[in-house]
């Protein structure tokens, strides 16, 4: 459980990146209203990668006796 802050941080930052990318137009960050741009797509992909790494690290750290 040494890297718990890293794992949780990756998962939280990944979820935030996905949320900001998806909601960019609604909160005024998108370049054009109604157009899903390459930066939004990149944000979703990077967010998914961060969440995946965080979950992978979480699964790797569990011992067989841990639930």
Protein backbone atom coordinates (compact mmCIF):
# COMPACT_ATOMS: atom_id res chain seq x y z
CA UNK A 1 0.00 0.00 0.00
CA UNK A 2 2.97 2.32 -0.44
CA UNK A 3 1.72 3.93 -3.64
CA UNK A 4 -1.89 4.48 -2.66
CA UNK A 5 -1.76 8.29 -3.19
CA UNK A 6 -0.30 7.74 -6.66
CA UNK A 7 -2.99 5.22 -7.62
CA UNK A 8 -5.83 7.34 -6.29
CA UNK A 9 -4.34 10.48 -7.85
CA UNK A 10 -4.12 8.87 -11.28
CA UNK A 11 -7.70 7.69 -11.10
CA UNK A 12 -9.02 11.08 -9.91
CA UNK A 13 -7.00 13.08 -12.46
CA UNK A 14 -8.09 10.72 -15.22
CA UNK A 15 -11.75 11.14 -14.32
CA UNK A 16 -11.32 14.93 -14.19
CA UNK A 17 -9.62 14.95 -17.60
CA UNK A 18 -12.45 12.91 -19.09
CA UNK A 19 -15.12 15.11 -17.51
CA UNK A 20 -13.47 18.34 -18.66
CA UNK A 21 -13.04 16.99 -22.18
CA UNK A 22 -16.62 15.82 -22.49
CA UNK A 23 -18.07 18.97 -20.93
CA UNK A 24 -15.69 21.45 -22.61
CA UNK A 25 -18.40 23.02 -24.77
CA UNK A 26 -20.87 23.27 -21.91
CA UNK A 27 -18.42 25.06 -19.61
CA UNK A 28 -16.95 27.30 -22.29
CA UNK A 29 -13.61 25.58 -22.91
CA UNK A 30 -14.37 24.19 -26.35
CA UNK A 31 -13.08 25.90 -29.49
CA UNK A 32 -16.39 25.75 -31.36
CA UNK A 33 -19.77 25.10 -29.86
CA UNK A 34 -21.07 21.71 -30.92
CA UNK A 35 -17.80 20.57 -32.51
CA UNK A 36 -15.94 17.79 -30.73
CA UNK A 37 -12.31 18.66 -31.48
CA UNK A 38 -9.06 16.76 -31.41
CA UNK A 39 -8.06 18.27 -28.06
CA UNK A 40 -11.22 16.92 -26.47
CA UNK A 41 -10.57 13.50 -27.97
CA UNK A 42 -6.98 13.60 -26.72
CA UNK A 43 -8.21 14.55 -23.24
CA UNK A 44 -10.54 11.57 -23.17
CA UNK A 45 -7.85 9.18 -24.37
CA UNK A 46 -5.30 10.45 -21.84
CA UNK A 47 -7.92 10.38 -19.08
CA UNK A 48 -8.79 6.79 -19.89
CA UNK A 49 -5.09 5.90 -19.88
CA UNK A 50 -4.59 7.50 -16.45
CA UNK A 51 -7.61 5.70 -14.99
CA UNK A 52 -6.46 2.40 -16.53
CA UNK A 53 -2.96 2.72 -15.06
CA UNK A 54 -4.39 3.65 -11.65
CA UNK A 55 -6.72 0.66 -11.65
CA UNK A 56 -3.94 -1.63 -12.89
CA UNK A 57 -1.63 -0.48 -10.08
CA UNK A 58 -4.42 -0.96 -7.56
CA UNK A 59 -5.01 -4.53 -8.70
CA UNK A 60 -1.29 -5.33 -8.69
CA UNK A 61 -0.80 -4.14 -5.11
CA UNK A 62 -3.40 -6.46 -3.57
CA UNK A 63 -2.15 -9.53 -1.81
CA UNK A 64 -4.05 -12.84 -2.12
CA UNK A 65 -5.51 -12.48 1.37
CA UNK A 66 -6.72 -8.93 0.73
CA UNK A 67 -10.31 -8.37 -0.37
